[in-house]
Amino acid sequence: MSDTVLLTRPETGIALITLNRPDRLNAMTAELVGVLHATLDEVADDPGVRVAILTGAGRAFCAGLDLTGYGTPAARVDPQSGPIGLALATQEEIAALVIHLRKVPQPVIAAVNGAAAGGGLALVLGSDIRLAAASARFSAAFIKIGVSGCDIGTSWLLPRLIGAGAAHEMMLTGRLVEADEAARRGLVLEVVEDGVLLERALTEARLVLANSPLGVRMTKETMWASLEISGLAAAIALENHTQILCLGSPDQREAIVAFLEKRPPRWVPEG
């Protein structure tokens, strides 16, 4: 597999996914996007991984699309469809990353170092928990290259994080949003010094690991699904079914026994 995306395991239960084109600010090419899809599949299929951290090598998280050339998408493109077919295949391949981040059963923590623009911002929005270094900068940069600011799920995700008004302004201007402003608006959970970003992300991952594998998985799945549910009653119905799935599971029994015995739970990995 190409080294444009690195997969390491810094601690038991934690996968570190690093976008690795530092000379190009980790900008997206067909190669990087394809390897990132494959890496997310690898993480999803590994029962030993319970939390993933997504970050970038060098001085940027991800600067968005590589404007020097994306390359050829992995999907077969009908020659009859011409340049429009090729463009659509490219668009769908990149946009699918946000759905992929959601479908991975493990929570994904974005550790944002430096620029997160365009597609890079979308990767941040598609993560479950977002932490930023002081050097982080955010921009819905699509509009700066002559296309709509609504791309890769940003028009759906950003307003849900920071509110419609702030999202409209950010997407219509394409301006850089500094880390402190991003935290004030709720785009990221916290801002830390650059040198401690990864350790802060690991600390957050350990907090997730303290909880049951099934409970964490069901929480991620239900939280994302509830964002698309139109009413409270439907969300509660989904929660009720999820809780019944968890009740009586080995995780739930272990949690009760550990509480009664006044000890940390000993979780058994899924699979």
C-alpha atoms as a PDB file:
ATOM      1  CA  MET A   1       0.000   0.000   0.000  1.00  0.00           C
ATOM      2  CA  SER A   2       1.193   3.540  -0.742  1.00  0.00           C
ATOM      3  CA  ASP A   3       2.748   5.539   2.093  1.00  0.00           C
ATOM      4  CA  THR A   4       0.545   8.574   1.360  1.00  0.00           C
ATOM      5  CA  VAL A   5      -1.440   7.471   4.415  1.00  0.00           C
ATOM      6  CA  LEU A   6       0.273   5.879   7.415  1.00  0.00           C
ATOM      7  CA  LEU A   7      -1.439   3.541   9.879  1.00  0.00           C
ATOM      8  CA  THR A   8       0.221   2.967  13.243  1.00  0.00           C
ATOM      9  CA  ARG A   9      -0.957   1.749  16.635  1.00  0.00           C
ATOM     10  CA  PRO A  10       0.579   3.963  19.334  1.00  0.00           C
ATOM     11  CA  GLU A  11      -1.262   2.171  22.139  1.00  0.00           C
ATOM     12  CA  THR A  12      -3.439  -0.885  22.576  1.00  0.00           C
ATOM     13  CA  GLY A  13      -6.869  -0.217  21.117  1.00  0.00           C
ATOM     14  CA  ILE A  14      -5.868   2.989  19.310  1.00  0.00           C
ATOM     15  CA  ALA A  15      -5.120   3.449  15.586  1.00  0.00           C
ATOM     16  CA  LEU A  16      -3.307   6.557  14.361  1.00  0.00           C
ATOM     17  CA  ILE A  17      -4.089   7.482  10.743  1.00  0.00           C
ATOM     18  CA  THR A  18      -1.680  10.067   9.339  1.00  0.00           C
ATOM     19  CA  LEU A  19      -2.134  11.798   5.984  1.00  0.00           C
ATOM     20  CA  ASN A  20       1.404  11.750   4.647  1.00  0.00           C
ATOM     21  CA  ARG A  21       2.055  14.204   1.826  1.00  0.00           C
ATOM     22  CA  PRO A  22       3.700  16.906   3.924  1.00  0.00           C
ATOM     23  CA  ASP A  23       5.424  18.514   0.938  1.00  0.00           C
ATOM     24  CA  ARG A  24       1.948  19.225  -0.524  1.00  0.00           C
ATOM     25  CA  LEU A  25       0.247  20.028   2.813  1.00  0.00           C
ATOM     26  CA  ASN A  26      -1.414  16.601   2.601  1.00  0.00           C
ATOM     27  CA  ALA A  27      -3.554  17.751  -0.319  1.00  0.00           C
ATOM     28  CA  MET A  28      -5.922  15.188  -1.789  1.00  0.00           C
ATOM     29  CA  THR A  29      -5.007  13.155  -4.836  1.00  0.00           C
ATOM     30  CA  ALA A  30      -6.610   9.996  -6.179  1.00  0.00           C
ATOM     31  CA  GLU A  31      -3.810   8.030  -4.539  1.00  0.00           C
ATOM     32  CA  LEU A  32      -4.249   9.592  -1.093  1.00  0.00           C
ATOM     33  CA  VAL A  33      -8.047   9.337  -1.197  1.00  0.00           C
ATOM     34  CA  GLY A  34      -7.908   5.709  -2.340  1.00  0.00           C
ATOM     35  CA  VAL A  35      -5.424   4.738   0.364  1.00  0.00           C
ATOM     36  CA  LEU A  36      -7.432   6.581   3.005  1.00  0.00           C
ATOM     37  CA  HIS A  37     -10.539   4.614   1.999  1.00  0.00           C
ATOM     38  CA  ALA A  38      -8.541   1.378   2.257  1.00  0.00           C
ATOM     39  CA  THR A  39      -7.086   2.406   5.612  1.00  0.00           C
ATOM     40  CA  LEU A  40     -10.526   3.156   7.040  1.00  0.00           C
ATOM     41  CA  ASP A  41     -11.647  -0.301   5.887  1.00  0.00           C
ATOM     42  CA  GLU A  42      -8.628  -1.854   7.609  1.00  0.00           C
ATOM     43  CA  VAL A  43      -9.394  -0.030  10.844  1.00  0.00           C
ATOM     44  CA  ALA A  44     -13.095  -0.932  10.678  1.00  0.00           C
ATOM     45  CA  ASP A  45     -12.261  -4.627  10.256  1.00  0.00           C
ATOM     46  CA  ASP A  46      -9.757  -4.772  13.132  1.00  0.00           C
ATOM     47  CA  PRO A  47     -11.445  -5.869  16.399  1.00  0.00           C
ATOM     48  CA  GLY A  48      -8.347  -4.742  18.293  1.00  0.00           C
ATOM     49  CA  VAL A  49      -8.906  -1.110  17.321  1.00  0.00           C
ATOM     50  CA  ARG A  50     -11.512   0.745  19.366  1.00  0.00           C
ATOM     51  CA  VAL A  51     -10.641   4.379  18.617  1.00  0.00           C
ATOM     52  CA  ALA A  52      -8.945   6.056  15.635  1.00  0.00           C
ATOM     53  CA  ILE A  53      -7.066   9.360  15.524  1.00  0.00           C
ATOM     54  CA  LEU A  54      -6.818  11.196  12.195  1.00  0.00           C
ATOM     55  CA  THR A  55      -4.058  13.775  11.697  1.00  0.00           C
ATOM     56  CA  GLY A  56      -1.649  15.146   9.108  1.00  0.00           C
ATOM     57  CA  ALA A  57       2.118  14.901   8.724  1.00  0.00           C
ATOM     58  CA  GLY A  58       4.143  18.095   8.753  1.00  0.00           C
ATOM     59  CA  ARG A  59       2.639  21.558   9.095  1.00  0.00           C
ATOM     60  CA  ALA A  60      -0.890  20.899   7.812  1.00  0.00           C
ATOM     61  CA  PHE A  61      -3.834  18.618   8.430  1.00  0.00           C
ATOM     62  CA  CYS A  62      -5.095  18.653   4.840  1.00  0.00           C
ATOM     63  CA  ALA A  63      -5.162  21.588   2.414  1.00  0.00           C
ATOM     64  CA  GLY A  64      -7.987  20.119   0.339  1.00  0.00           C
ATOM     65  CA  LEU A  65      -7.797  19.119  -3.314  1.00  0.00           C
ATOM     66  CA  ASP A  66      -4.340  19.106  -4.903  1.00  0.00           C
ATOM     67  CA  LEU A  67      -4.788  21.767  -7.587  1.00  0.00           C
ATOM     68  CA  THR A  68      -1.702  20.559  -9.452  1.00  0.00           C
ATOM     69  CA  GLY A  69      -3.600  17.413 -10.398  1.00  0.00           C
ATOM     70  CA  TYR A  70      -5.873  14.869  -8.723  1.00  0.00           C
ATOM     71  CA  GLY A  71      -5.199  11.879 -10.925  1.00  0.00           C
ATOM     72  CA  THR A  72      -7.567   9.143 -12.055  1.00  0.00           C
ATOM     73  CA  PRO A  73     -10.333   7.990  -9.686  1.00  0.00           C
ATOM     74  CA  ALA A  74     -10.473   4.303  -8.803  1.00  0.00           C
ATOM     75  CA  ALA A  75     -13.998   3.810 -10.143  1.00  0.00           C
ATOM     76  CA  ARG A  76     -14.356   2.783 -13.752  1.00  0.00           C
ATOM     77  CA  VAL A  77     -15.537   5.720 -15.852  1.00  0.00           C
ATOM     78  CA  ASP A  78     -17.599   5.108 -18.984  1.00  0.00           C
ATOM     79  CA  PRO A  79     -15.615   6.641 -21.865  1.00  0.00           C
ATOM     80  CA  GLN A  80     -18.917   7.776 -23.375  1.00  0.00           C
ATOM     81  CA  SER A  81     -19.507  10.088 -20.379  1.00  0.00           C
ATOM     82  CA  GLY A  82     -16.544  12.307 -21.291  1.00  0.00           C
ATOM     83  CA  PRO A  83     -15.079  14.868 -18.884  1.00  0.00           C
ATOM     84  CA  ILE A  84     -18.348  15.189 -16.960  1.00  0.00           C
ATOM     85  CA  GLY A  85     -18.285  11.485 -16.108  1.00  0.00           C
ATOM     86  CA  LEU A  86     -14.675  11.709 -14.968  1.00  0.00           C
ATOM     87  CA  ALA A  87     -15.414  14.770 -12.843  1.00  0.00           C
ATOM     88  CA  LEU A  88     -18.430  13.075 -11.237  1.00  0.00           C
ATOM     89  CA  ALA A  89     -16.427   9.938 -10.415  1.00  0.00           C
ATOM     90  CA  THR A  90     -13.764  12.106  -8.795  1.00  0.00           C
ATOM     91  CA  GLN A  91     -16.368  14.075  -6.841  1.00  0.00           C
ATOM     92  CA  GLU A  92     -18.084  10.931  -5.588  1.00  0.00           C
ATOM     93  CA  GLU A  93     -14.797   9.296  -4.591  1.00  0.00           C
ATOM     94  CA  ILE A  94     -13.766  12.247  -2.418  1.00  0.00           C
ATOM     95  CA  ALA A  95     -17.235  12.910  -0.958  1.00  0.00           C
ATOM     96  CA  ALA A  96     -17.560   9.245   0.048  1.00  0.00           C
ATOM     97  CA  LEU A  97     -14.800   9.793   2.620  1.00  0.00           C
ATOM     98  CA  VAL A  98     -17.212  11.638   4.919  1.00  0.00           C
ATOM     99  CA  ILE A  99     -19.739   8.802   4.740  1.00  0.00           C
ATOM    100  CA  HIS A 100     -16.872   6.356   5.292  1.00  0.00           C
ATOM    101  CA  LEU A 101     -15.784   8.170   8.459  1.00  0.00           C
ATOM    102  CA  ARG A 102     -19.344   7.879   9.727  1.00  0.00           C
ATOM    103  CA  LYS A 103     -19.637   4.168   8.894  1.00  0.00           C
ATOM    104  CA  VAL A 104     -16.407   3.166  10.620  1.00  0.00           C
ATOM    105  CA  PRO A 105     -17.673   1.630  13.889  1.00  0.00           C
ATOM    106  CA  GLN A 106     -14.872   3.175  15.939  1.00  0.00           C
ATOM    107  CA  PRO A 107     -15.029   6.844  16.969  1.00  0.00           C
ATOM    108  CA  VAL A 108     -12.633   9.007  14.951  1.00  0.00           C
ATOM    109  CA  ILE A 109     -10.800  11.850  16.681  1.00  0.00           C
ATOM    110  CA  ALA A 110      -9.518  14.565  14.344  1.00  0.00           C
ATOM    111  CA  ALA A 111      -6.246  16.022  15.646  1.00  0.00           C
ATOM    112  CA  VAL A 112      -6.024  19.118  13.478  1.00  0.00           C
ATOM    113  CA  ASN A 113      -2.532  20.503  12.964  1.00  0.00           C
ATOM    114  CA  GLY A 114      -2.209  23.509  10.646  1.00  0.00           C
ATOM    115  CA  ALA A 115      -4.460  24.076   7.651  1.00  0.00           C
ATOM    116  CA  ALA A 116      -7.732  22.191   7.244  1.00  0.00           C
ATOM    117  CA  ALA A 117      -9.234  23.652   4.087  1.00  0.00           C
ATOM    118  CA  GLY A 118     -11.841  22.472   1.606  1.00  0.00           C
ATOM    119  CA  GLY A 119     -11.760  18.696   1.671  1.00  0.00           C
ATOM    120  CA  GLY A 120      -9.572  18.861   4.759  1.00  0.00           C
ATOM    121  CA  LEU A 121     -12.307  20.771   6.576  1.00  0.00           C
ATOM    122  CA  ALA A 122     -14.796  18.107   5.458  1.00  0.00           C
ATOM    123  CA  LEU A 123     -12.643  15.380   7.047  1.00  0.00           C
ATOM    124  CA  VAL A 124     -12.666  17.348  10.291  1.00  0.00           C
ATOM    125  CA  LEU A 125     -16.444  17.765  10.151  1.00  0.00           C
ATOM    126  CA  GLY A 126     -16.920  14.058   9.454  1.00  0.00           C
ATOM    127  CA  SER A 127     -14.961  13.038  12.542  1.00  0.00           C
ATOM    128  CA  ASP A 128     -16.660  12.334  15.862  1.00  0.00           C
ATOM    129  CA  ILE A 129     -14.425  14.431  18.130  1.00  0.00           C
ATOM    130  CA  ARG A 130     -12.366  17.411  16.946  1.00  0.00           C
ATOM    131  CA  LEU A 131      -9.247  18.794  18.655  1.00  0.00           C
ATOM    132  CA  ALA A 132      -7.025  21.541  17.273  1.00  0.00           C
ATOM    133  CA  ALA A 133      -3.467  22.713  17.668  1.00  0.00           C
ATOM    134  CA  ALA A 134      -2.901  26.446  18.080  1.00  0.00           C
ATOM    135  CA  SER A 135      -1.578  26.437  14.490  1.00  0.00           C
ATOM    136  CA  ALA A 136      -4.842  25.047  13.085  1.00  0.00           C
ATOM    137  CA  ARG A 137      -6.655  27.113  10.466  1.00  0.00           C
ATOM    138  CA  PHE A 138     -10.026  26.237   8.961  1.00  0.00           C
ATOM    139  CA  SER A 139     -11.541  27.319   5.658  1.00  0.00           C
ATOM    140  CA  ALA A 140     -14.448  26.259   3.478  1.00  0.00           C
ATOM    141  CA  ALA A 141     -12.124  27.037   0.602  1.00  0.00           C
ATOM    142  CA  PHE A 142     -14.211  25.569  -2.228  1.00  0.00           C
ATOM    143  CA  ILE A 143     -15.650  28.970  -3.096  1.00  0.00           C
ATOM    144  CA  LYS A 144     -12.111  30.319  -3.556  1.00  0.00           C
ATOM    145  CA  ILE A 145     -11.565  28.106  -6.603  1.00  0.00           C
ATOM    146  CA  GLY A 146     -14.707  29.143  -8.484  1.00  0.00           C
ATOM    147  CA  VAL A 147     -17.118  26.435  -7.365  1.00  0.00           C
ATOM    148  CA  SER A 148     -19.905  26.205  -4.807  1.00  0.00           C
ATOM    149  CA  GLY A 149     -18.985  26.352  -1.140  1.00  0.00           C
ATOM    150  CA  CYS A 150     -21.317  23.378  -0.629  1.00  0.00           C
ATOM    151  CA  ASP A 151     -19.171  20.291  -1.091  1.00  0.00           C
ATOM    152  CA  ILE A 152     -18.232  16.958   0.544  1.00  0.00           C
ATOM    153  CA  GLY A 153     -21.049  17.178   3.096  1.00  0.00           C
ATOM    154  CA  THR A 154     -20.037  20.603   4.404  1.00  0.00           C
ATOM    155  CA  SER A 155     -23.447  22.188   3.767  1.00  0.00           C
ATOM    156  CA  TRP A 156     -25.048  19.554   6.033  1.00  0.00           C
ATOM    157  CA  LEU A 157     -22.378  19.141   8.711  1.00  0.00           C
ATOM    158  CA  LEU A 158     -21.095  22.667   9.332  1.00  0.00           C
ATOM    159  CA  PRO A 159     -24.459  24.295  10.231  1.00  0.00           C
ATOM    160  CA  ARG A 160     -25.123  21.489  12.706  1.00  0.00           C
ATOM    161  CA  LEU A 161     -21.868  22.249  14.491  1.00  0.00           C
ATOM    162  CA  ILE A 162     -21.694  26.038  14.496  1.00  0.00           C
ATOM    163  CA  GLY A 163     -25.210  27.155  13.515  1.00  0.00           C
ATOM    164  CA  ALA A 164     -26.645  28.210  10.174  1.00  0.00           C
ATOM    165  CA  GLY A 165     -25.663  31.884  10.358  1.00  0.00           C
ATOM    166  CA  ALA A 166     -22.015  31.285  11.172  1.00  0.00           C
ATOM    167  CA  ALA A 167     -21.832  28.476   8.610  1.00  0.00           C
ATOM    168  CA  HIS A 168     -23.280  30.677   5.860  1.00  0.00           C
ATOM    169  CA  GLU A 169     -20.694  33.382   6.564  1.00  0.00           C
ATOM    170  CA  MET A 170     -17.811  30.922   6.665  1.00  0.00           C
ATOM    171  CA  MET A 171     -18.874  29.210   3.433  1.00  0.00           C
ATOM    172  CA  LEU A 172     -19.702  32.371   1.495  1.00  0.00           C
ATOM    173  CA  THR A 173     -16.422  34.085   2.328  1.00  0.00           C
ATOM    174  CA  GLY A 174     -14.056  31.136   2.407  1.00  0.00           C
ATOM    175  CA  ARG A 175     -12.045  33.068   4.966  1.00  0.00           C
ATOM    176  CA  LEU A 176      -9.533  31.489   7.331  1.00  0.00           C
ATOM    177  CA  VAL A 177     -10.910  30.760  10.777  1.00  0.00           C
ATOM    178  CA  GLU A 178      -8.245  30.684  13.468  1.00  0.00           C
ATOM    179  CA  ALA A 179      -8.161  27.901  16.048  1.00  0.00           C
ATOM    180  CA  ASP A 180      -9.459  30.044  18.913  1.00  0.00           C
ATOM    181  CA  GLU A 181     -12.466  31.199  16.893  1.00  0.00           C
ATOM    182  CA  ALA A 182     -13.129  27.612  15.821  1.00  0.00           C
ATOM    183  CA  ALA A 183     -13.278  26.605  19.483  1.00  0.00           C
ATOM    184  CA  ARG A 184     -15.575  29.503  20.404  1.00  0.00           C
ATOM    185  CA  ARG A 185     -17.992  28.564  17.643  1.00  0.00           C
ATOM    186  CA  GLY A 186     -17.986  24.860  18.533  1.00  0.00           C
ATOM    187  CA  LEU A 187     -16.150  23.682  15.438  1.00  0.00           C
ATOM    188  CA  VAL A 188     -13.528  22.051  17.661  1.00  0.00           C
ATOM    189  CA  LEU A 189     -13.702  20.888  21.245  1.00  0.00           C
ATOM    190  CA  GLU A 190     -10.427  22.363  22.454  1.00  0.00           C
ATOM    191  CA  VAL A 191      -7.243  24.128  21.318  1.00  0.00           C
ATOM    192  CA  VAL A 192      -3.856  23.019  22.661  1.00  0.00           C
ATOM    193  CA  GLU A 193      -0.241  23.859  21.907  1.00  0.00           C
ATOM    194  CA  ASP A 194       1.125  22.181  18.799  1.00  0.00           C
ATOM    195  CA  GLY A 195       3.604  20.016  20.654  1.00  0.00           C
ATOM    196  CA  VAL A 196       0.964  18.337  22.816  1.00  0.00           C
ATOM    197  CA  LEU A 197      -1.798  17.829  20.226  1.00  0.00           C
ATOM    198  CA  LEU A 198      -1.180  14.111  19.733  1.00  0.00           C
ATOM    199  CA  GLU A 199      -0.919  13.444  23.452  1.00  0.00           C
ATOM    200  CA  ARG A 200      -4.190  15.339  23.988  1.00  0.00           C
ATOM    201  CA  ALA A 201      -5.825  13.189  21.307  1.00  0.00           C
ATOM    202  CA  LEU A 202      -4.462  10.048  22.973  1.00  0.00           C
ATOM    203  CA  THR A 203      -5.852  11.214  26.303  1.00  0.00           C
ATOM    204  CA  GLU A 204      -9.268  11.661  24.694  1.00  0.00           C
ATOM    205  CA  ALA A 205      -8.988   8.225  23.083  1.00  0.00           C
ATOM    206  CA  ARG A 206      -8.218   6.669  26.485  1.00  0.00           C
ATOM    207  CA  LEU A 207     -11.390   8.226  27.900  1.00  0.00           C
ATOM    208  CA  VAL A 208     -13.362   6.488  25.146  1.00  0.00           C
ATOM    209  CA  LEU A 209     -11.516   3.212  25.745  1.00  0.00           C
ATOM    210  CA  ALA A 210     -12.645   3.232  29.376  1.00  0.00           C
ATOM    211  CA  ASN A 211     -16.204   2.561  28.158  1.00  0.00           C
ATOM    212  CA  SER A 212     -17.654  -0.636  26.763  1.00  0.00           C
ATOM    213  CA  PRO A 213     -16.910  -1.508  23.112  1.00  0.00           C
ATOM    214  CA  LEU A 214     -20.582  -2.156  22.321  1.00  0.00           C
ATOM    215  CA  GLY A 215     -21.776   0.948  24.150  1.00  0.00           C
ATOM    216  CA  VAL A 216     -19.296   3.145  22.278  1.00  0.00           C
ATOM    217  CA  ARG A 217     -20.212   1.645  18.934  1.00  0.00           C
ATOM    218  CA  MET A 218     -23.949   2.045  19.535  1.00  0.00           C
ATOM    219  CA  THR A 219     -23.460   5.611  20.764  1.00  0.00           C
ATOM    220  CA  LYS A 220     -21.595   6.651  17.615  1.00  0.00           C
ATOM    221  CA  GLU A 221     -24.134   4.939  15.370  1.00  0.00           C
ATOM    222  CA  THR A 222     -27.141   6.399  17.175  1.00  0.00           C
ATOM    223  CA  MET A 223     -25.749   9.921  17.452  1.00  0.00           C
ATOM    224  CA  TRP A 224     -25.131  10.134  13.694  1.00  0.00           C
ATOM    225  CA  ALA A 225     -28.517   8.569  12.887  1.00  0.00           C
ATOM    226  CA  SER A 226     -30.302  10.982  15.238  1.00  0.00           C
ATOM    227  CA  LEU A 227     -28.921  13.946  13.298  1.00  0.00           C
ATOM    228  CA  GLU A 228     -31.008  12.785  10.346  1.00  0.00           C
ATOM    229  CA  ILE A 229     -34.161  12.012  12.315  1.00  0.00           C
ATOM    230  CA  SER A 230     -36.873  14.619  11.995  1.00  0.00           C
ATOM    231  CA  GLY A 231     -38.433  14.414  15.443  1.00  0.00           C
ATOM    232  CA  LEU A 232     -37.884  13.637  19.119  1.00  0.00           C
ATOM    233  CA  ALA A 233     -40.223  10.646  19.223  1.00  0.00           C
ATOM    234  CA  ALA A 234     -38.374   8.891  16.399  1.00  0.00           C
ATOM    235  CA  ALA A 235     -35.013   9.550  18.072  1.00  0.00           C
ATOM    236  CA  ILE A 236     -36.276   8.120  21.354  1.00  0.00           C
ATOM    237  CA  ALA A 237     -37.626   5.038  19.577  1.00  0.00           C
ATOM    238  CA  LEU A 238     -34.184   4.457  18.064  1.00  0.00           C
ATOM    239  CA  GLU A 239     -32.538   4.967  21.468  1.00  0.00           C
ATOM    240  CA  ASN A 240     -34.930   2.464  23.043  1.00  0.00           C
ATOM    241  CA  HIS A 241     -34.065  -0.219  20.517  1.00  0.00           C
ATOM    242  CA  THR A 242     -30.344   0.490  20.891  1.00  0.00           C
ATOM    243  CA  GLN A 243     -30.518   0.174  24.675  1.00  0.00           C
ATOM    244  CA  ILE A 244     -32.315  -3.170  24.435  1.00  0.00           C
ATOM    245  CA  LEU A 245     -29.528  -4.407  22.153  1.00  0.00           C
ATOM    246  CA  CYS A 246     -26.983  -3.478  24.826  1.00  0.00           C
ATOM    247  CA  LEU A 247     -28.904  -4.755  27.875  1.00  0.00           C
ATOM    248  CA  GLY A 248     -27.758  -8.240  28.839  1.00  0.00           C
ATOM    249  CA  SER A 249     -24.705  -8.104  26.571  1.00  0.00           C
ATOM    250  CA  PRO A 250     -21.358  -9.342  27.936  1.00  0.00           C
ATOM    251  CA  ASP A 251     -20.227  -5.699  28.095  1.00  0.00           C
ATOM    252  CA  GLN A 252     -23.207  -4.683  30.204  1.00  0.00           C
ATOM    253  CA  ARG A 253     -22.808  -7.652  32.564  1.00  0.00           C
ATOM    254  CA  GLU A 254     -19.107  -6.872  33.000  1.00  0.00           C
ATOM    255  CA  ALA A 255     -19.898  -3.214  33.721  1.00  0.00           C
ATOM    256  CA  ILE A 256     -22.291  -4.204  36.533  1.00  0.00           C
ATOM    257  CA  VAL A 257     -19.903  -6.753  38.050  1.00  0.00           C
ATOM    258  CA  ALA A 258     -16.994  -4.292  37.891  1.00  0.00           C
ATOM    259  CA  PHE A 259     -19.114  -1.633  39.613  1.00  0.00           C
ATOM    260  CA  LEU A 260     -20.104  -4.017  42.404  1.00  0.00           C
ATOM    261  CA  GLU A 261     -16.524  -5.232  42.819  1.00  0.00           C
ATOM    262  CA  LYS A 262     -15.207  -1.631  42.763  1.00  0.00           C
ATOM    263  CA  ARG A 263     -12.715  -2.284  39.949  1.00  0.00           C
ATOM    264  CA  PRO A 264     -12.224  -1.076  36.366  1.00  0.00           C
ATOM    265  CA  PRO A 265     -14.132  -3.139  33.786  1.00  0.00           C
ATOM    266  CA  ARG A 266     -12.196  -5.697  31.765  1.00  0.00           C
ATOM    267  CA  TRP A 267     -13.626  -5.353  28.282  1.00  0.00           C
ATOM    268  CA  VAL A 268     -13.366  -8.156  25.739  1.00  0.00           C
ATOM    269  CA  PRO A 269     -12.674  -6.819  22.208  1.00  0.00           C
ATOM    270  CA  GLU A 270     -15.457  -7.284  19.685  1.00  0.00           C
ATOM    271  CA  GLY A 271     -14.962 -10.084  17.174  1.00  0.00           C
END
